Protein backbone atom coordinates (compact mmCIF):
# COMPACT_ATOMS: atom_id res chain seq x y z
CA MET A 1 66.52 1.01 85.32
CA SER A 2 65.35 -0.52 82.14
CA PRO A 3 67.58 -2.16 79.19
CA THR A 4 65.21 0.24 76.37
CA HIS A 5 64.71 3.30 77.82
CA ASP A 6 66.78 6.34 79.51
CA LEU A 7 64.23 6.73 82.68
CA GLN A 8 66.11 9.75 84.05
CA HIS A 9 65.43 13.15 81.91
CA THR A 10 67.17 16.29 81.93
CA ALA A 11 64.58 18.15 80.30
CA ALA A 12 60.56 17.58 81.48
CA ARG A 13 59.13 17.67 78.19
CA ASN A 14 59.20 14.96 76.05
CA SER A 15 59.90 12.73 79.13
CA ILE A 16 57.39 9.95 79.13
CA VAL A 17 58.73 6.58 78.68
CA ALA A 18 56.60 3.09 78.01
CA PRO A 19 54.35 1.74 79.11
CA GLY A 20 53.27 5.34 79.06
CA THR A 21 54.19 5.71 75.32
CA ALA A 22 52.17 3.04 74.07
CA ARG A 23 48.14 3.48 72.60
CA LYS A 24 45.19 2.57 74.70
CA VAL A 25 46.52 3.28 77.84
CA ILE A 26 45.84 6.27 80.52
CA THR A 27 48.95 7.84 81.33
CA VAL A 28 48.65 9.88 84.71
CA GLY A 29 50.75 12.44 85.76
CA ALA A 30 51.63 13.76 89.24
CA TYR A 31 49.49 16.57 90.82
CA ASN A 32 50.28 18.48 93.93
CA SER A 33 46.58 19.63 95.35
CA ARG A 34 48.01 21.14 98.09
CA VAL A 35 49.33 23.89 96.28
CA ASP A 36 47.75 23.35 92.97
CA GLN A 37 50.37 22.30 90.83
CA LEU A 38 52.19 19.74 88.53
CA GLU A 39 54.67 18.23 90.30
CA PRO A 40 58.10 19.57 89.16
CA PHE A 41 59.30 15.69 88.76
CA SER A 42 56.15 14.75 86.65
CA SER A 43 56.83 13.31 83.11
CA ARG A 44 55.61 15.41 80.36
CA GLY A 45 54.27 14.71 76.23
CA PRO A 46 54.27 15.13 74.13
CA THR A 47 55.39 11.59 73.03
CA VAL A 48 57.81 10.74 70.43
CA ASP A 49 54.93 10.37 67.50
CA ASN A 50 53.58 13.61 68.42
CA ARG A 51 50.43 12.61 71.00
CA VAL A 52 50.08 14.86 73.96
CA GLY A 53 51.23 11.89 76.55
CA VAL A 54 49.59 13.11 79.51
CA ASP A 55 46.18 11.79 79.78
CA ILE A 56 44.96 12.70 83.03
CA VAL A 57 46.78 14.21 86.28
CA ALA A 58 46.30 12.79 90.06
CA PRO A 59 46.86 13.67 93.73
CA ASP A 60 50.22 12.56 94.39
CA ARG A 61 50.12 13.66 97.95
CA GLN A 62 46.14 13.26 98.76
CA PHE A 63 46.37 10.08 101.56
CA ALA A 64 50.28 8.91 100.95
CA ALA A 65 51.85 11.54 102.97
CA ALA A 66 51.38 9.58 106.24
CA ALA A 67 54.03 7.28 104.74
CA PRO A 68 57.55 6.71 106.09
CA ASP A 69 59.10 7.41 103.66
CA GLY A 70 56.94 10.38 102.09
CA PHE A 71 55.22 8.22 98.92
CA VAL A 72 54.80 10.89 95.87
CA GLY A 73 54.94 11.15 92.25
CA SER A 74 53.38 8.84 89.56
CA SER A 75 53.31 5.99 91.79
CA ALA A 76 51.10 7.56 94.12
CA ALA A 77 48.99 9.37 91.70
CA VAL A 78 48.16 5.72 89.50
CA PRO A 79 46.54 4.03 91.40
CA TYR A 80 44.10 7.43 92.54
CA VAL A 81 43.51 6.92 89.02
CA GLY A 82 42.93 3.12 89.01
CA GLY A 83 40.70 3.26 92.57
CA THR A 84 38.08 6.10 90.24
CA ALA A 85 37.96 4.01 87.52
CA ALA A 86 37.05 1.18 89.65
CA LEU A 87 34.21 3.74 91.26
CA LEU A 88 33.09 3.75 87.46
CA LEU A 89 32.46 0.38 86.93
CA ASP A 90 31.14 -0.06 90.03
CA ALA A 91 28.43 2.74 89.20
CA ASN A 92 27.99 1.17 85.50
CA GLU A 93 29.60 -2.23 85.10
CA SER A 94 28.97 -1.97 80.87
CA LEU A 95 31.28 0.81 80.70
CA SER A 96 33.84 -0.26 77.87
CA PRO A 97 37.50 0.24 78.71
CA HIS A 98 37.57 3.50 76.73
CA GLU A 99 34.27 4.76 77.62
CA THR A 100 35.89 4.57 81.13
CA GLU A 101 39.25 6.68 80.06
CA HIS A 102 36.68 8.99 78.11
CA LEU A 103 34.34 9.69 81.32
CA LEU A 104 37.24 10.21 83.41
CA GLU A 105 39.08 13.02 80.47
CA GLN A 106 35.69 14.47 79.83
CA THR A 107 34.81 15.29 83.86
CA ALA A 108 38.45 15.86 84.68
CA ARG A 109 38.84 19.62 86.17
CA ASP A 110 41.16 21.60 83.82
CA VAL A 111 44.13 22.44 85.50
CA GLY A 112 47.43 24.08 83.88
CA ARG A 113 47.39 25.86 80.43
CA PRO A 114 44.01 26.12 79.57
CA GLY A 115 42.81 22.93 77.39
CA LEU A 116 44.38 19.98 76.85
CA ASP A 117 48.05 20.11 77.15
CA ASN A 118 51.33 17.99 77.29
CA GLU A 119 51.87 18.75 80.96
CA THR A 120 48.33 18.04 82.82
CA GLY A 121 46.35 16.28 79.54
CA HIS A 122 42.67 16.92 80.51
CA GLY A 123 43.08 17.72 83.91
CA ALA A 124 43.01 16.30 87.27
CA VAL A 125 41.18 13.60 87.69
CA GLU A 126 37.45 14.01 89.47
CA PRO A 127 35.94 10.89 91.20
CA VAL A 128 32.90 12.16 92.38
CA ARG A 129 32.06 13.40 89.08
CA ALA A 130 33.34 10.78 87.33
CA ALA A 131 31.38 8.42 88.76
CA ARG A 132 28.33 10.58 88.89
CA ALA A 133 28.53 10.93 84.97
CA ALA A 134 28.65 7.00 84.99
CA GLN A 135 25.60 6.23 86.68
CA ASN A 136 23.48 8.46 84.53
CA ARG A 137 25.17 7.55 81.09
CA THR A 138 22.75 5.14 79.65
CA ASP A 139 22.87 2.43 77.19
CA GLY A 140 22.28 2.67 74.01
C-alpha cells in the first residue's frame, strides 16, 4: 500500500514504481532460473522519464523455494543482487557504488530479448563472474 503510487498495475509495461524509479539505484526484476524466463509478475520499464527501468534480473526461486509461503518475486531477487554486490566489495573494497553497479551489469548474462531491454535490463546477475571481475579490476 502506498499513498503516492498505484502498486497494482494491469499492464506490465511501465509498472516500476518508487523507489525503483529513482536515479542511482539498482532496480531488480524477478527471474525464474528454473525455466529461464522473466517472471510474469516482474515489473518492467520504461520509467515515466523513458529510462530502461530494470537494471538487472536475479533468481527469485533459487533458495527461497523451501519457504513455507513460497517466497518469490523481487522480494527474493533483490537480496540475491545485494549479496552479489557484497561479494564484489569483499573482492575489491575500493569499488565505488557506481563501479559496483557497472560490474553487476557488465557481467550479467543476457536473457530475454538480445541487448539492454525494458524487461530484463542488462540480464541475469552472475555472482561468480562479477566477483572475479571485481577481483581482477585494478585501480587507477
